[in-house]
Amino acid sequence: MNRIEKTVDLQRNGGLNCSQAILTAFGEQFGMDAETAKMLGRPWGGGMGHLAETCGYLTGAILVLAQAYNHNDEGQAREEVFEAVRELFSRFEKQRGTTSCKELLGADISTDEGLKKIKQGQFVKKICCGDGGIGQDVAEILEELLKER
């Protein structure tokens, strides 16, 4: 299973949230163990703590990029990772039109009503970790960015 497939599978079948899934799948290559990835990704799921703001797959990908652009020259590392994050968001917005969890899901999971809608309709499995879903899109972009660095 490649990292893109693993990202999707970890949310669909592994009980992880979006941010945890992508960070666990991609963090390995930088020496991050699964438990650390789960811990660091935990609060970012559901659009940052279920606030339905920035997509958790994107926030998890940012944490991966932080590891990819980690070197001794702090100024250069910061510049490089900022550029990579901007590129991640740009490519994703071209595909999906937004980086907002609530807009991507079509429901505001920070409310009881929105959360109920998502749970009843299996939206997360369809939209986030289904074939051609958000998780696959972000993981593919992240894979491209890592190859380009």
N, C-alpha and C. Protein backbone atom coordinates (compact mmCIF):
# COMPACT_ATOMS: atom_id res chain seq x y z
N MET A 1 0.86 -1.17 0.00
CA MET A 1 0.00 0.00 0.00
C MET A 1 0.91 1.24 0.00
N ASN A 2 0.66 2.16 -0.93
CA ASN A 2 1.46 3.39 -0.96
C ASN A 2 0.92 4.40 0.06
N ARG A 3 1.60 5.52 0.19
CA ARG A 3 1.22 6.50 1.22
C ARG A 3 -0.13 7.14 0.95
N ILE A 4 -0.47 7.30 -0.30
CA ILE A 4 -1.78 7.88 -0.64
C ILE A 4 -2.89 6.93 -0.20
N GLU A 5 -2.76 5.67 -0.57
CA GLU A 5 -3.75 4.66 -0.17
C GLU A 5 -3.79 4.50 1.35
N LYS A 6 -2.62 4.54 1.97
CA LYS A 6 -2.55 4.39 3.43
C LYS A 6 -3.26 5.54 4.13
N THR A 7 -3.10 6.76 3.61
CA THR A 7 -3.77 7.92 4.20
C THR A 7 -5.28 7.70 4.24
N VAL A 8 -5.83 7.31 3.10
CA VAL A 8 -7.27 7.10 3.00
C VAL A 8 -7.71 5.94 3.89
N ASP A 9 -6.96 4.85 3.86
CA ASP A 9 -7.31 3.67 4.65
C ASP A 9 -7.27 3.93 6.15
N LEU A 10 -6.31 4.71 6.60
CA LEU A 10 -6.20 4.98 8.04
C LEU A 10 -7.40 5.75 8.57
N GLN A 11 -8.02 6.59 7.74
CA GLN A 11 -9.24 7.26 8.20
C GLN A 11 -10.45 6.35 8.00
N ARG A 12 -10.53 5.72 6.85
CA ARG A 12 -11.70 4.89 6.54
C ARG A 12 -11.80 3.69 7.48
N ASN A 13 -10.68 3.01 7.71
CA ASN A 13 -10.72 1.75 8.46
C ASN A 13 -9.89 1.74 9.74
N GLY A 14 -9.05 2.75 9.93
CA GLY A 14 -8.13 2.73 11.06
C GLY A 14 -8.54 3.56 12.25
N GLY A 15 -9.68 4.23 12.16
CA GLY A 15 -10.18 5.00 13.29
C GLY A 15 -9.48 6.32 13.53
N LEU A 16 -8.67 6.77 12.57
CA LEU A 16 -7.97 8.04 12.75
C LEU A 16 -8.74 9.18 12.10
N ASN A 17 -8.52 10.39 12.60
CA ASN A 17 -9.12 11.53 11.93
C ASN A 17 -8.26 11.89 10.72
N CYS A 18 -8.72 12.85 9.94
CA CYS A 18 -8.07 13.23 8.69
C CYS A 18 -6.61 13.64 8.90
N SER A 19 -6.37 14.50 9.84
CA SER A 19 -5.02 15.00 10.10
C SER A 19 -4.10 13.88 10.58
N GLN A 20 -4.59 13.05 11.48
CA GLN A 20 -3.81 11.93 11.98
C GLN A 20 -3.46 10.97 10.84
N ALA A 21 -4.41 10.72 9.96
CA ALA A 21 -4.21 9.75 8.88
C ALA A 21 -3.07 10.17 7.96
N ILE A 22 -3.08 11.40 7.49
CA ILE A 22 -2.04 11.83 6.55
C ILE A 22 -0.70 11.98 7.24
N LEU A 23 -0.69 12.44 8.48
CA LEU A 23 0.55 12.59 9.22
C LEU A 23 1.16 11.22 9.54
N THR A 24 0.34 10.24 9.86
CA THR A 24 0.84 8.90 10.13
C THR A 24 1.40 8.26 8.87
N ALA A 25 0.67 8.39 7.76
CA ALA A 25 1.10 7.77 6.50
C ALA A 25 2.39 8.38 5.96
N PHE A 26 2.54 9.68 6.07
CA PHE A 26 3.69 10.36 5.50
C PHE A 26 4.81 10.64 6.50
N GLY A 27 4.50 10.65 7.78
CA GLY A 27 5.50 10.99 8.79
C GLY A 27 6.59 9.95 8.94
N GLU A 28 6.28 8.70 8.61
CA GLU A 28 7.25 7.61 8.72
C GLU A 28 8.57 7.93 8.02
N GLN A 29 8.48 8.50 6.83
CA GLN A 29 9.70 8.75 6.05
C GLN A 29 10.63 9.76 6.72
N PHE A 30 10.11 10.48 7.69
CA PHE A 30 10.93 11.45 8.42
C PHE A 30 11.24 10.97 9.84
N GLY A 31 10.97 9.69 10.09
CA GLY A 31 11.29 9.10 11.38
C GLY A 31 10.24 9.30 12.46
N MET A 32 9.05 9.75 12.06
CA MET A 32 7.98 9.95 13.04
C MET A 32 7.24 8.63 13.24
N ASP A 33 7.16 8.18 14.47
CA ASP A 33 6.43 6.95 14.75
C ASP A 33 4.92 7.22 14.76
N ALA A 34 4.14 6.17 14.60
CA ALA A 34 2.69 6.29 14.47
C ALA A 34 2.04 6.92 15.70
N GLU A 35 2.53 6.60 16.89
CA GLU A 35 1.93 7.16 18.11
C GLU A 35 2.13 8.67 18.19
N THR A 36 3.31 9.13 17.82
CA THR A 36 3.58 10.57 17.81
C THR A 36 2.72 11.26 16.77
N ALA A 37 2.61 10.65 15.60
CA ALA A 37 1.78 11.22 14.53
C ALA A 37 0.32 11.32 14.97
N LYS A 38 -0.18 10.28 15.63
CA LYS A 38 -1.56 10.31 16.11
C LYS A 38 -1.75 11.42 17.15
N MET A 39 -0.78 11.56 18.05
CA MET A 39 -0.88 12.58 19.09
C MET A 39 -0.86 13.99 18.48
N LEU A 40 0.08 14.24 17.58
CA LEU A 40 0.20 15.57 16.98
C LEU A 40 -0.95 15.90 16.04
N GLY A 41 -1.51 14.89 15.39
CA GLY A 41 -2.61 15.12 14.46
C GLY A 41 -3.97 15.20 15.11
N ARG A 42 -4.08 14.69 16.31
CA ARG A 42 -5.37 14.60 17.01
C ARG A 42 -6.17 15.90 17.05
N PRO A 43 -5.61 17.02 17.49
CA PRO A 43 -6.44 18.23 17.63
C PRO A 43 -6.80 18.91 16.32
N TRP A 44 -6.18 18.51 15.22
CA TRP A 44 -6.40 19.20 13.94
C TRP A 44 -7.55 18.61 13.14
N GLY A 45 -8.06 17.46 13.52
CA GLY A 45 -9.14 16.82 12.76
C GLY A 45 -10.44 17.61 12.83
N GLY A 46 -11.28 17.37 11.84
CA GLY A 46 -12.58 18.04 11.80
C GLY A 46 -12.45 19.54 11.59
N GLY A 47 -11.45 19.92 10.81
CA GLY A 47 -11.28 21.34 10.54
C GLY A 47 -10.76 22.10 11.74
N MET A 48 -9.83 21.51 12.46
CA MET A 48 -9.17 22.08 13.64
C MET A 48 -10.09 21.99 14.86
N GLY A 49 -10.03 20.86 15.52
CA GLY A 49 -10.79 20.67 16.76
C GLY A 49 -12.29 20.70 16.57
N HIS A 50 -12.75 20.18 15.43
CA HIS A 50 -14.19 20.17 15.08
C HIS A 50 -14.77 21.58 14.99
N LEU A 51 -13.93 22.55 14.63
CA LEU A 51 -14.42 23.90 14.38
C LEU A 51 -14.89 24.06 12.94
N ALA A 52 -14.62 23.05 12.12
CA ALA A 52 -15.01 23.04 10.70
C ALA A 52 -14.33 24.15 9.92
N GLU A 53 -13.12 24.49 10.30
CA GLU A 53 -12.35 25.53 9.61
C GLU A 53 -11.44 24.87 8.56
N THR A 54 -10.15 25.06 8.63
CA THR A 54 -9.24 24.51 7.62
C THR A 54 -9.27 22.98 7.66
N CYS A 55 -9.38 22.38 6.49
CA CYS A 55 -9.44 20.92 6.33
C CYS A 55 -8.31 20.25 7.10
N GLY A 56 -8.64 19.22 7.86
CA GLY A 56 -7.66 18.49 8.66
C GLY A 56 -6.62 17.76 7.84
N TYR A 57 -6.98 17.32 6.64
CA TYR A 57 -5.97 16.71 5.78
C TYR A 57 -4.89 17.74 5.44
N LEU A 58 -5.31 18.98 5.22
CA LEU A 58 -4.34 20.04 4.91
C LEU A 58 -3.47 20.37 6.11
N THR A 59 -4.06 20.45 7.30
CA THR A 59 -3.25 20.77 8.47
C THR A 59 -2.26 19.64 8.78
N GLY A 60 -2.68 18.41 8.56
CA GLY A 60 -1.76 17.28 8.72
C GLY A 60 -0.63 17.33 7.70
N ALA A 61 -0.98 17.70 6.47
CA ALA A 61 0.04 17.82 5.42
C ALA A 61 1.04 18.92 5.75
N ILE A 62 0.57 19.99 6.38
CA ILE A 62 1.49 21.07 6.79
C ILE A 62 2.52 20.53 7.78
N LEU A 63 2.08 19.68 8.70
CA LEU A 63 3.01 19.09 9.67
C LEU A 63 4.03 18.19 8.98
N VAL A 64 3.61 17.51 7.92
CA VAL A 64 4.55 16.70 7.13
C VAL A 64 5.56 17.62 6.44
N LEU A 65 5.07 18.69 5.83
CA LEU A 65 5.97 19.63 5.15
C LEU A 65 6.97 20.25 6.13
N ALA A 66 6.55 20.49 7.36
CA ALA A 66 7.47 21.03 8.37
C ALA A 66 8.65 20.08 8.58
N GLN A 67 8.38 18.79 8.53
CA GLN A 67 9.44 17.80 8.67
C GLN A 67 10.32 17.75 7.43
N ALA A 68 9.71 17.90 6.27
CA ALA A 68 10.45 17.82 5.01
C ALA A 68 11.42 18.98 4.84
N TYR A 69 11.06 20.13 5.36
CA TYR A 69 11.90 21.32 5.22
C TYR A 69 12.57 21.69 6.53
N ASN A 70 13.07 20.71 7.22
CA ASN A 70 13.73 20.92 8.50
C ASN A 70 15.24 20.81 8.29
N HIS A 71 15.93 21.92 8.41
CA HIS A 71 17.39 21.90 8.34
C HIS A 71 17.97 23.03 9.19
N ASN A 72 19.27 23.13 9.22
CA ASN A 72 19.94 24.04 10.17
C ASN A 72 19.73 25.52 9.91
N ASP A 73 19.49 25.92 8.68
CA ASP A 73 19.28 27.33 8.38
C ASP A 73 17.81 27.66 8.59
N GLU A 74 17.48 28.17 9.78
CA GLU A 74 16.07 28.41 10.15
C GLU A 74 15.37 29.35 9.18
N GLY A 75 16.04 30.41 8.77
CA GLY A 75 15.42 31.36 7.84
C GLY A 75 15.09 30.71 6.51
N GLN A 76 16.01 29.92 5.99
CA GLN A 76 15.78 29.24 4.72
C GLN A 76 14.69 28.17 4.88
N ALA A 77 14.74 27.41 5.98
CA ALA A 77 13.72 26.38 6.22
C ALA A 77 12.34 27.00 6.29
N ARG A 78 12.22 28.10 6.98
CA ARG A 78 10.93 28.79 7.11
C ARG A 78 10.43 29.26 5.74
N GLU A 79 11.31 29.88 4.97
CA GLU A 79 10.94 30.36 3.64
C GLU A 79 10.48 29.21 2.75
N GLU A 80 11.21 28.11 2.78
CA GLU A 80 10.88 26.95 1.95
C GLU A 80 9.55 26.32 2.36
N VAL A 81 9.34 26.16 3.66
CA VAL A 81 8.09 25.52 4.10
C VAL A 81 6.90 26.44 3.85
N PHE A 82 7.07 27.74 4.03
CA PHE A 82 5.97 28.66 3.72
C PHE A 82 5.58 28.56 2.25
N GLU A 83 6.57 28.50 1.37
CA GLU A 83 6.29 28.38 -0.06
C GLU A 83 5.58 27.06 -0.36
N ALA A 84 6.03 25.98 0.27
CA ALA A 84 5.40 24.67 0.05
C ALA A 84 3.95 24.67 0.54
N VAL A 85 3.69 25.31 1.67
CA VAL A 85 2.32 25.39 2.20
C VAL A 85 1.44 26.20 1.25
N ARG A 86 1.96 27.32 0.76
CA ARG A 86 1.18 28.12 -0.20
C ARG A 86 0.86 27.31 -1.45
N GLU A 87 1.82 26.53 -1.91
CA GLU A 87 1.61 25.70 -3.10
C GLU A 87 0.59 24.59 -2.82
N LEU A 88 0.67 23.98 -1.67
CA LEU A 88 -0.30 22.96 -1.26
C LEU A 88 -1.72 23.53 -1.32
N PHE A 89 -1.91 24.68 -0.69
CA PHE A 89 -3.24 25.30 -0.65
C PHE A 89 -3.69 25.73 -2.04
N SER A 90 -2.79 26.27 -2.84
CA SER A 90 -3.14 26.71 -4.19
C SER A 90 -3.62 25.54 -5.04
N ARG A 91 -2.87 24.46 -5.03
CA ARG A 91 -3.25 23.29 -5.83
C ARG A 91 -4.58 22.70 -5.35
N PHE A 92 -4.74 22.63 -4.03
CA PHE A 92 -5.98 22.07 -3.49
C PHE A 92 -7.17 22.95 -3.84
N GLU A 93 -7.02 24.25 -3.69
CA GLU A 93 -8.12 25.17 -4.01
C GLU A 93 -8.49 25.10 -5.49
N LYS A 94 -7.51 24.85 -6.36
CA LYS A 94 -7.82 24.69 -7.79
C LYS A 94 -8.68 23.45 -8.01
N GLN A 95 -8.44 22.41 -7.24
CA GLN A 95 -9.22 21.18 -7.37
C GLN A 95 -10.59 21.28 -6.71
N ARG A 96 -10.62 21.81 -5.51
CA ARG A 96 -11.84 21.74 -4.69
C ARG A 96 -12.54 23.08 -4.46
N GLY A 97 -11.86 24.18 -4.78
CA GLY A 97 -12.49 25.49 -4.65
C GLY A 97 -12.42 26.13 -3.28
N THR A 98 -12.03 25.39 -2.27
CA THR A 98 -11.97 25.91 -0.90
C THR A 98 -11.08 25.01 -0.05
N THR A 99 -10.62 25.54 1.07
CA THR A 99 -9.89 24.74 2.06
C THR A 99 -10.70 24.58 3.34
N SER A 100 -11.91 25.09 3.35
CA SER A 100 -12.79 25.07 4.52
C SER A 100 -13.48 23.73 4.69
N CYS A 101 -13.32 23.13 5.84
CA CYS A 101 -13.95 21.85 6.16
C CYS A 101 -15.46 21.92 5.95
N LYS A 102 -16.10 22.95 6.50
CA LYS A 102 -17.57 23.02 6.41
C LYS A 102 -18.04 23.17 4.97
N GLU A 103 -17.27 23.88 4.15
CA GLU A 103 -17.65 24.02 2.74
C GLU A 103 -17.40 22.73 1.97
N LEU A 104 -16.30 22.06 2.28
CA LEU A 104 -15.99 20.80 1.62
C LEU A 104 -17.02 19.72 1.96
N LEU A 105 -17.43 19.68 3.22
CA LEU A 105 -18.41 18.68 3.66
C LEU A 105 -19.84 19.06 3.32
N GLY A 106 -20.08 20.34 3.15
CA GLY A 106 -21.46 20.80 2.95
C GLY A 106 -22.26 20.81 4.23
N ALA A 107 -21.55 20.84 5.35
CA ALA A 107 -22.20 20.86 6.68
C ALA A 107 -21.20 21.42 7.68
N ASP A 108 -21.71 22.15 8.64
CA ASP A 108 -20.88 22.74 9.68
C ASP A 108 -20.83 21.81 10.88
N ILE A 109 -19.76 21.01 10.96
CA ILE A 109 -19.67 20.02 12.04
C ILE A 109 -19.37 20.63 13.40
N SER A 110 -19.23 21.95 13.46
CA SER A 110 -19.07 22.59 14.77
C SER A 110 -20.42 22.78 15.45
N THR A 111 -21.50 22.47 14.74
CA THR A 111 -22.85 22.56 15.31
C THR A 111 -23.43 21.16 15.47
N ASP A 112 -24.36 21.01 16.40
CA ASP A 112 -25.02 19.71 16.59
C ASP A 112 -25.75 19.27 15.33
N GLU A 113 -26.41 20.22 14.68
CA GLU A 113 -27.16 19.91 13.46
C GLU A 113 -26.23 19.43 12.34
N GLY A 114 -25.13 20.13 12.15
CA GLY A 114 -24.17 19.75 11.11
C GLY A 114 -23.52 18.41 11.40
N LEU A 115 -23.18 18.16 12.65
CA LEU A 115 -22.57 16.89 13.03
C LEU A 115 -23.55 15.74 12.82
N LYS A 116 -24.81 15.96 13.16
CA LYS A 116 -25.84 14.94 12.96
C LYS A 116 -25.99 14.62 11.47
N LYS A 117 -26.00 15.65 10.65
CA LYS A 117 -26.13 15.47 9.20
C LYS A 117 -24.98 14.61 8.66
N ILE A 118 -23.78 14.90 9.09
CA ILE A 118 -22.60 14.17 8.63
C ILE A 118 -22.66 12.71 9.07
N LYS A 119 -23.03 12.47 10.31
CA LYS A 119 -23.08 11.09 10.82
C LYS A 119 -24.17 10.27 10.15
N GLN A 120 -25.30 10.88 9.88
CA GLN A 120 -26.41 10.15 9.25
C GLN A 120 -26.10 9.78 7.81
N GLY A 121 -25.44 10.66 7.11
CA GLY A 121 -25.23 10.44 5.69
C GLY A 121 -23.92 9.77 5.31
N GLN A 122 -23.12 9.38 6.30
CA GLN A 122 -21.82 8.79 6.01
C GLN A 122 -20.97 9.69 5.11
N PHE A 123 -21.13 11.01 5.29
CA PHE A 123 -20.41 11.99 4.47
C PHE A 123 -18.90 11.82 4.56
N VAL A 124 -18.41 11.60 5.76
CA VAL A 124 -16.96 11.52 5.93
C VAL A 124 -16.39 10.39 5.09
N LYS A 125 -17.03 9.23 5.14
CA LYS A 125 -16.53 8.10 4.34
C LYS A 125 -16.63 8.38 2.86
N LYS A 126 -17.67 9.06 2.44
CA LYS A 126 -17.84 9.35 1.01
C LYS A 126 -16.95 10.50 0.56
N ILE A 127 -17.01 11.61 1.26
CA ILE A 127 -16.35 12.83 0.81
C ILE A 127 -14.87 12.86 1.19
N CYS A 128 -14.55 12.43 2.39
CA CYS A 128 -13.17 12.55 2.87
C CYS A 128 -12.30 11.36 2.49
N CYS A 129 -12.76 10.16 2.77
CA CYS A 129 -11.89 9.01 2.57
C CYS A 129 -12.46 7.99 1.60
N GLY A 130 -13.34 8.44 0.73
CA GLY A 130 -13.82 7.59 -0.35
C GLY A 130 -12.88 7.68 -1.54
N ASP A 131 -13.09 6.84 -2.53
CA ASP A 131 -12.28 6.91 -3.74
C ASP A 131 -12.47 8.27 -4.39
N GLY A 132 -11.36 8.93 -4.71
CA GLY A 132 -11.42 10.26 -5.29
C GLY A 132 -11.81 11.34 -4.30
N GLY A 133 -11.73 11.02 -3.01
CA GLY A 133 -12.13 11.96 -1.96
C GLY A 133 -11.05 12.97 -1.61
N ILE A 134 -11.37 13.78 -0.64
CA ILE A 134 -10.48 14.85 -0.21
C ILE A 134 -9.13 14.30 0.26
N GLY A 135 -9.15 13.24 1.03
CA GLY A 135 -7.90 12.65 1.53
C GLY A 135 -6.98 12.23 0.41
N GLN A 136 -7.55 11.62 -0.60
CA GLN A 136 -6.75 11.20 -1.76
C GLN A 136 -6.17 12.43 -2.46
N ASP A 137 -6.98 13.45 -2.64
CA ASP A 137 -6.51 14.68 -3.31
C ASP A 137 -5.33 15.30 -2.56
N VAL A 138 -5.48 15.48 -1.25
CA VAL A 138 -4.41 16.12 -0.47
C VAL A 138 -3.17 15.24 -0.46
N ALA A 139 -3.33 13.94 -0.29
CA ALA A 139 -2.18 13.03 -0.27
C ALA A 139 -1.45 13.04 -1.61
N GLU A 140 -2.18 13.10 -2.71
CA GLU A 140 -1.54 13.16 -4.03
C GLU A 140 -0.75 14.45 -4.20
N ILE A 141 -1.33 15.56 -3.78
CA ILE A 141 -0.62 16.85 -3.87
C ILE A 141 0.62 16.82 -2.98
N LEU A 142 0.48 16.31 -1.77
CA LEU A 142 1.61 16.23 -0.85
C LEU A 142 2.72 15.36 -1.44
N GLU A 143 2.35 14.24 -2.02
CA GLU A 143 3.33 13.35 -2.65
C GLU A 143 4.08 14.10 -3.76
N GLU A 144 3.36 14.86 -4.57
CA GLU A 144 3.99 15.65 -5.63
C GLU A 144 4.95 16.68 -5.05
N LEU A 145 4.51 17.40 -4.03
CA LEU A 145 5.36 18.43 -3.43
C LEU A 145 6.64 17.84 -2.83
N LEU A 146 6.53 16.68 -2.22
CA LEU A 146 7.71 16.05 -1.64
C LEU A 146 8.68 15.60 -2.72
N LYS A 147 8.16 15.16 -3.85
CA LYS A 147 9.04 14.77 -4.97
C LYS A 147 9.71 15.98 -5.61
N GLU A 148 9.04 17.11 -5.59
CA GLU A 148 9.55 18.33 -6.23
C GLU A 148 10.62 19.04 -5.41
N ARG A 149 10.71 18.73 -4.13
CA ARG A 149 11.65 19.50 -3.28
C ARG A 149 13.09 19.12 -3.53
